[in-house]
Amino acid sequence: MTTGPAPTATAGTATAVGTATAADGAGVGPLLRQWRLRRRLSQLDLALTADSSARHISFIENGRSRPSRAMVLRLAEHLGVPLRERNSLLVAAGYAPAYRESSFHDPDDPAMAAVRSAVDTLLRGHQPYPAVVLDATHDVLAANSGMAALLGGVHEQLLRPPLNLIRVALHPQGLAPRIANLGQVRRHLLERVERHLAIRETEPLRRLHTEVSRYPGPDEDDDDGGSTPSAPAVALPVRLRTAHGELAFVSTIATFNSPLDVAVSELAIEFFLPADPATAQIVRREFPSAG
């Protein structure tokens, strides 16, 4: 696994790339062209990185040439196409999908059971601090008991499955009223969803962005709210007002390296780390059952 920031996109504006259903190779050309344009690459740029020629790329895109299975996969890799859409490209070119599509919670899948076991080890190891497993739409698939430090006071309807972390954070009956720096956090989370949309646009993610964008933000005079950090921040903290005092967390996101399964490629594990000694002390003291 590799730990780092949430994915970033090379294109600033999300444009829908349709799911292919063609049984022959004619449908793959326009799809590849859309991905190339989203990545802001010329045919020559793509040809140079994929060890091909601009002429061949042009022929593939306009349907004059049927790409081999290996060529489809090579172009998809250099275009940064997610695994789910790589399967769609292969189907459009007349080939079988290359990547299996499983379910994170499938009890009969030994491979996914191993993934869940590894994820559970990470979640338990991070206690008493919060950690959560997210899918591509930011729905929560699993969480550790440390999440109680964050989710206290959230309306029960928002906690019913599928619990969505972005919705819970920004909803007026979620965490939003208790986030001291709501203006900063709101901008960050909206930009995060927009980055995901630029990489892979889906209808559920677009609906989520539309929904949370309409939630009320903070008053202008209270844009950053809360106390001022005593030291310069190196990452944006979430400052949360609680009955135990103000808690400040920063987060890091872990993903699986070189996944061969669509579901695994879309998993993200977000770890919330105490941003100051006071937060660490409060969490250890007030949430002992999470340890």
Protein backbone atom coordinates (compact mmCIF):
# COMPACT_ATOMS: atom_id res chain seq x y z
CA MET A 1 0.00 0.00 0.00
CA THR A 2 1.07 3.59 -0.56
CA THR A 3 0.16 6.53 1.63
CA GLY A 4 -0.29 9.99 0.21
CA PRO A 5 -2.71 12.73 -0.75
CA ALA A 6 -5.99 12.17 -2.51
CA PRO A 7 -5.64 11.71 -6.28
CA THR A 8 -5.17 14.74 -8.47
CA ALA A 9 -6.24 15.25 -12.04
CA THR A 10 -4.39 16.51 -15.05
CA ALA A 11 -7.50 18.08 -16.49
CA GLY A 12 -9.29 20.94 -14.81
CA THR A 13 -12.78 20.39 -16.17
CA ALA A 14 -14.68 17.13 -15.87
CA THR A 15 -16.28 15.89 -19.06
CA ALA A 16 -18.37 12.76 -19.02
CA VAL A 17 -16.84 9.72 -20.67
CA GLY A 18 -19.57 7.25 -21.53
CA THR A 19 -19.51 3.57 -20.75
CA ALA A 20 -18.96 1.53 -23.89
CA THR A 21 -21.30 -1.22 -24.95
CA ALA A 22 -20.11 -1.84 -28.51
CA ALA A 23 -19.19 -5.41 -29.36
CA ASP A 24 -16.69 -4.40 -32.04
CA GLY A 25 -13.72 -2.07 -32.04
CA ALA A 26 -15.46 0.94 -33.57
CA GLY A 27 -16.69 2.25 -30.22
CA VAL A 28 -13.31 2.37 -28.51
CA GLY A 29 -11.83 5.12 -30.67
CA PRO A 30 -14.11 7.97 -29.55
CA LEU A 31 -13.75 6.86 -25.93
CA LEU A 32 -9.96 6.92 -26.13
CA ARG A 33 -10.14 10.34 -27.76
CA GLN A 34 -12.28 11.65 -24.89
CA TRP A 35 -9.78 10.37 -22.34
CA ARG A 36 -6.90 11.92 -24.30
CA LEU A 37 -8.64 15.28 -24.43
CA ARG A 38 -9.42 15.13 -20.73
CA ARG A 39 -5.71 14.61 -20.06
CA ARG A 40 -4.91 17.52 -22.39
CA LEU A 41 -2.62 15.47 -24.59
CA SER A 42 -2.15 15.74 -28.32
CA GLN A 43 -2.11 12.60 -30.45
CA LEU A 44 1.65 13.06 -30.76
CA ASP A 45 2.07 13.39 -26.98
CA LEU A 46 0.18 10.15 -26.41
CA ALA A 47 2.03 8.37 -29.21
CA LEU A 48 5.43 9.28 -27.77
CA THR A 49 4.57 8.07 -24.27
CA ALA A 50 2.86 4.88 -25.52
CA ASP A 51 5.60 3.95 -28.03
CA SER A 52 3.29 4.39 -31.01
CA SER A 53 2.79 6.96 -33.78
CA ALA A 54 0.42 9.90 -34.08
CA ARG A 55 -0.88 8.37 -37.30
CA HIS A 56 -1.77 5.11 -35.54
CA ILE A 57 -3.45 6.98 -32.68
CA SER A 58 -5.46 8.97 -35.22
CA PHE A 59 -6.54 5.80 -37.04
CA ILE A 60 -7.64 4.20 -33.76
CA GLU A 61 -9.63 7.25 -32.69
CA ASN A 62 -11.50 7.59 -35.99
CA GLY A 63 -12.21 3.87 -36.26
CA ARG A 64 -9.94 3.15 -39.22
CA SER A 65 -7.75 0.84 -37.14
CA ARG A 66 -8.79 -1.72 -34.52
CA PRO A 67 -6.33 -1.67 -31.63
CA SER A 68 -5.02 -4.88 -30.15
CA ARG A 69 -5.90 -5.78 -26.58
CA ALA A 70 -2.35 -4.90 -25.52
CA MET A 71 -2.60 -1.51 -27.24
CA VAL A 72 -5.88 -0.68 -25.50
CA LEU A 73 -4.34 -1.49 -22.13
CA ARG A 74 -1.16 0.45 -22.92
CA LEU A 75 -3.05 3.55 -24.00
CA ALA A 76 -5.34 3.30 -20.96
CA GLU A 77 -2.33 3.07 -18.66
CA HIS A 78 -0.64 6.13 -20.16
CA LEU A 79 -3.92 8.05 -20.03
CA GLY A 80 -4.41 7.20 -16.36
CA VAL A 81 -7.76 5.53 -17.01
CA PRO A 82 -9.22 3.93 -13.84
CA LEU A 83 -9.58 0.14 -13.86
CA ARG A 84 -13.36 0.12 -14.16
CA GLU A 85 -13.18 2.27 -17.29
CA ARG A 86 -10.29 0.19 -18.66
CA ASN A 87 -12.65 -2.77 -18.65
CA SER A 88 -15.20 -0.68 -20.54
CA LEU A 89 -12.59 0.26 -23.14
CA LEU A 90 -11.70 -3.40 -23.64
CA VAL A 91 -15.36 -4.35 -24.08
CA ALA A 92 -15.80 -1.52 -26.59
CA ALA A 93 -12.80 -2.86 -28.52
CA GLY A 94 -14.31 -6.36 -28.58
CA TYR A 95 -12.22 -7.94 -25.81
CA ALA A 96 -12.99 -9.44 -22.43
CA PRO A 97 -12.41 -7.29 -19.33
CA ALA A 98 -8.93 -7.55 -17.82
CA TYR A 99 -9.76 -6.72 -14.22
CA ARG A 100 -12.08 -8.58 -11.91
CA GLU A 101 -14.90 -6.67 -10.24
CA SER A 102 -15.62 -7.95 -6.75
CA SER A 103 -17.40 -6.62 -3.69
CA PHE A 104 -15.58 -5.45 -0.56
CA HIS A 105 -18.07 -7.28 1.67
CA ASP A 106 -18.31 -10.53 -0.32
CA PRO A 107 -18.05 -13.29 2.35
CA ASP A 108 -17.31 -15.98 -0.25
CA ASP A 109 -14.33 -14.27 -1.89
CA PRO A 110 -11.02 -15.43 -0.30
CA ALA A 111 -9.03 -12.68 -2.02
CA MET A 112 -11.32 -9.96 -0.71
CA ALA A 113 -11.29 -11.58 2.73
CA ALA A 114 -7.52 -11.07 2.75
CA VAL A 115 -8.02 -7.43 1.79
CA ARG A 116 -10.56 -6.92 4.58
CA SER A 117 -8.19 -8.54 7.06
CA ALA A 118 -5.37 -6.19 6.05
CA VAL A 119 -7.67 -3.19 6.23
CA ASP A 120 -8.97 -4.24 9.64
CA THR A 121 -5.40 -4.48 10.94
CA LEU A 122 -4.77 -0.90 9.81
CA LEU A 123 -8.01 0.38 11.33
CA ARG A 124 -7.40 -1.27 14.69
CA GLY A 125 -3.77 -0.22 14.70
CA HIS A 126 -4.75 3.44 14.34
CA GLN A 127 -7.00 3.45 17.41
CA PRO A 128 -7.86 5.41 19.48
CA TYR A 129 -7.74 7.90 16.59
CA PRO A 130 -10.39 7.80 13.85
CA ALA A 131 -9.92 5.91 10.58
CA VAL A 132 -12.40 5.04 7.85
CA VAL A 133 -12.52 3.02 4.61
CA LEU A 134 -14.17 4.78 1.64
CA ASP A 135 -15.28 3.72 -1.81
CA ALA A 136 -15.10 5.83 -4.97
CA THR A 137 -18.15 7.87 -3.94
CA HIS A 138 -16.86 8.48 -0.39
CA ASP A 139 -19.38 6.03 1.07
CA VAL A 140 -18.08 4.42 4.26
CA LEU A 141 -17.34 0.69 3.93
CA ALA A 142 -15.71 0.20 7.33
CA ALA A 143 -14.49 2.28 10.26
CA ASN A 144 -12.77 1.86 13.59
CA SER A 145 -14.28 2.72 16.96
CA GLY A 146 -12.22 5.91 17.04
CA MET A 147 -14.75 7.46 14.65
CA ALA A 148 -16.92 8.05 17.72
CA ALA A 149 -14.68 11.05 18.43
CA LEU A 150 -15.87 12.61 15.17
CA LEU A 151 -19.46 11.46 14.74
CA GLY A 152 -20.97 12.33 18.10
CA GLY A 153 -24.02 14.55 17.68
CA VAL A 154 -24.62 13.68 14.01
CA HIS A 155 -28.32 13.12 13.18
CA GLU A 156 -29.10 9.41 13.13
CA GLN A 157 -30.55 9.58 9.62
CA LEU A 158 -27.15 10.62 8.25
CA LEU A 159 -25.55 7.63 9.97
CA ARG A 160 -27.74 5.07 8.21
CA PRO A 161 -26.07 3.07 5.42
CA PRO A 162 -24.76 4.10 3.06
CA LEU A 163 -23.06 6.65 5.29
CA ASN A 164 -21.27 9.21 3.11
CA LEU A 165 -18.32 11.02 4.69
CA ILE A 166 -18.63 14.18 2.57
CA ARG A 167 -22.37 14.45 3.26
CA VAL A 168 -21.90 13.89 7.00
CA ALA A 169 -19.16 16.53 7.15
CA LEU A 170 -21.07 19.29 5.34
CA HIS A 171 -24.74 18.59 6.13
CA PRO A 172 -26.46 21.11 8.46
CA GLN A 173 -27.46 18.19 10.70
CA GLY A 174 -24.05 16.57 10.42
CA LEU A 175 -20.67 17.87 11.53
CA ALA A 176 -20.96 21.28 9.85
CA PRO A 177 -22.40 23.20 12.85
CA ARG A 178 -19.52 21.97 15.02
CA ILE A 179 -16.65 22.53 12.57
CA ALA A 180 -14.92 25.68 13.78
CA ASN A 181 -13.20 26.32 10.43
CA LEU A 182 -16.14 25.25 8.25
CA GLY A 183 -15.29 27.65 5.42
CA GLN A 184 -11.86 26.11 4.93
CA VAL A 185 -13.06 22.53 5.32
CA ARG A 186 -16.00 23.06 2.97
CA ARG A 187 -13.76 24.44 0.22
CA HIS A 188 -11.30 21.59 0.68
CA LEU A 189 -13.95 18.86 0.52
CA LEU A 190 -15.69 20.35 -2.52
CA GLU A 191 -12.34 20.60 -4.31
CA ARG A 192 -11.61 17.00 -3.33
CA VAL A 193 -14.83 15.78 -4.96
CA GLU A 194 -14.10 17.93 -8.02
CA ARG A 195 -10.64 16.33 -8.36
CA HIS A 196 -12.23 12.89 -8.26
CA LEU A 197 -14.76 13.97 -10.88
CA ALA A 198 -11.96 15.19 -13.14
CA ILE A 199 -10.31 11.77 -12.92
CA ARG A 200 -13.43 9.63 -13.17
CA GLU A 201 -16.86 11.17 -13.58
CA THR A 202 -19.78 9.08 -12.37
CA GLU A 203 -23.41 9.98 -11.88
CA PRO A 204 -23.40 9.19 -8.10
CA LEU A 205 -20.36 11.41 -7.56
CA ARG A 206 -21.85 14.21 -9.66
CA ARG A 207 -25.11 14.02 -7.68
CA LEU A 208 -23.15 14.13 -4.43
CA HIS A 209 -21.25 17.23 -5.56
CA THR A 210 -24.48 18.96 -6.62
CA GLU A 211 -26.13 18.09 -3.31
CA VAL A 212 -23.38 19.17 -0.93
CA SER A 213 -22.63 22.32 -2.95
CA ARG A 214 -26.14 23.51 -2.05
CA TYR A 215 -25.66 23.06 1.68
CA PRO A 216 -25.36 26.39 3.52
CA GLY A 217 -21.84 27.53 4.28
CA PRO A 218 -20.64 29.61 7.23
CA ASP A 219 -21.31 33.32 7.63
CA GLU A 220 -18.65 35.43 5.94
CA ASP A 221 -17.59 36.86 9.28
CA ASP A 222 -17.12 33.35 10.63
CA ASP A 223 -15.46 31.84 7.56
CA ASP A 224 -12.51 30.37 9.40
CA GLY A 225 -14.04 30.42 12.89
CA GLY A 226 -12.64 28.88 16.02
CA SER A 227 -9.36 29.49 17.75
CA THR A 228 -6.20 30.49 15.94
CA PRO A 229 -3.52 27.76 15.89
CA SER A 230 -0.57 28.53 18.14
CA ALA A 231 1.88 27.41 15.44
CA PRO A 232 1.86 27.63 11.63
CA ALA A 233 -0.14 24.77 10.12
CA VAL A 234 1.55 22.44 7.63
CA ALA A 235 -1.77 20.82 6.61
CA LEU A 236 -5.38 21.93 6.82
CA PRO A 237 -6.81 20.75 10.14
CA VAL A 238 -10.45 19.99 10.84
CA ARG A 239 -11.21 21.83 14.08
CA LEU A 240 -14.22 20.25 15.74
CA ARG A 241 -16.09 21.69 18.73
CA THR A 242 -17.06 18.94 21.18
CA ALA A 243 -18.27 18.63 24.76
CA HIS A 244 -14.68 17.72 25.67
CA GLY A 245 -13.13 20.79 24.05
CA GLU A 246 -11.98 21.62 20.54
CA LEU A 247 -10.40 18.70 18.68
CA ALA A 248 -8.08 19.30 15.72
CA PHE A 249 -7.29 16.58 13.18
CA VAL A 250 -5.32 16.37 9.97
CA SER A 251 -5.75 13.40 7.67
CA THR A 252 -3.78 11.22 5.30
CA ILE A 253 -5.15 8.79 2.72
CA ALA A 254 -3.81 5.31 1.91
CA THR A 255 -4.58 3.35 -1.25
CA PHE A 256 -3.52 -0.06 -2.54
CA ASN A 257 -0.54 -0.05 -4.88
CA SER A 258 -0.88 -1.79 -8.29
CA PRO A 259 -4.39 -3.20 -7.75
CA LEU A 260 -5.77 -5.82 -10.12
CA ASP A 261 -9.35 -5.64 -8.84
CA VAL A 262 -11.74 -2.78 -9.60
CA ALA A 263 -13.14 -2.61 -6.06
CA VAL A 264 -9.67 -2.61 -4.50
CA SER A 265 -8.50 0.12 -6.88
CA GLU A 266 -11.33 2.34 -5.63
CA LEU A 267 -10.67 1.82 -1.91
CA ALA A 268 -9.23 4.66 0.15
CA ILE A 269 -8.39 4.49 3.86
CA GLU A 270 -8.46 7.88 5.56
CA PHE A 271 -6.57 8.21 8.83
CA PHE A 272 -7.28 11.18 11.11
CA LEU A 273 -4.24 12.25 13.13
CA PRO A 274 -4.26 14.61 16.13
CA ALA A 275 -3.04 18.03 15.00
CA ASP A 276 -1.94 19.08 18.47
CA PRO A 277 -1.05 17.51 21.84
CA ALA A 278 -4.34 18.63 23.40
CA THR A 279 -6.38 16.66 20.87
CA ALA A 280 -4.26 13.55 21.41
CA GLN A 281 -4.73 13.82 25.16
CA ILE A 282 -8.50 14.37 24.96
CA VAL A 283 -9.08 11.44 22.59
CA ARG A 284 -7.01 9.05 24.73
CA ARG A 285 -8.81 10.19 27.88
CA GLU A 286 -12.41 10.46 26.67
CA PHE A 287 -12.56 7.51 24.27
CA PRO A 288 -10.74 4.71 26.12
CA SER A 289 -12.94 2.01 24.58
CA ALA A 290 -11.48 2.94 21.20
CA GLY A 291 -8.00 1.94 22.25
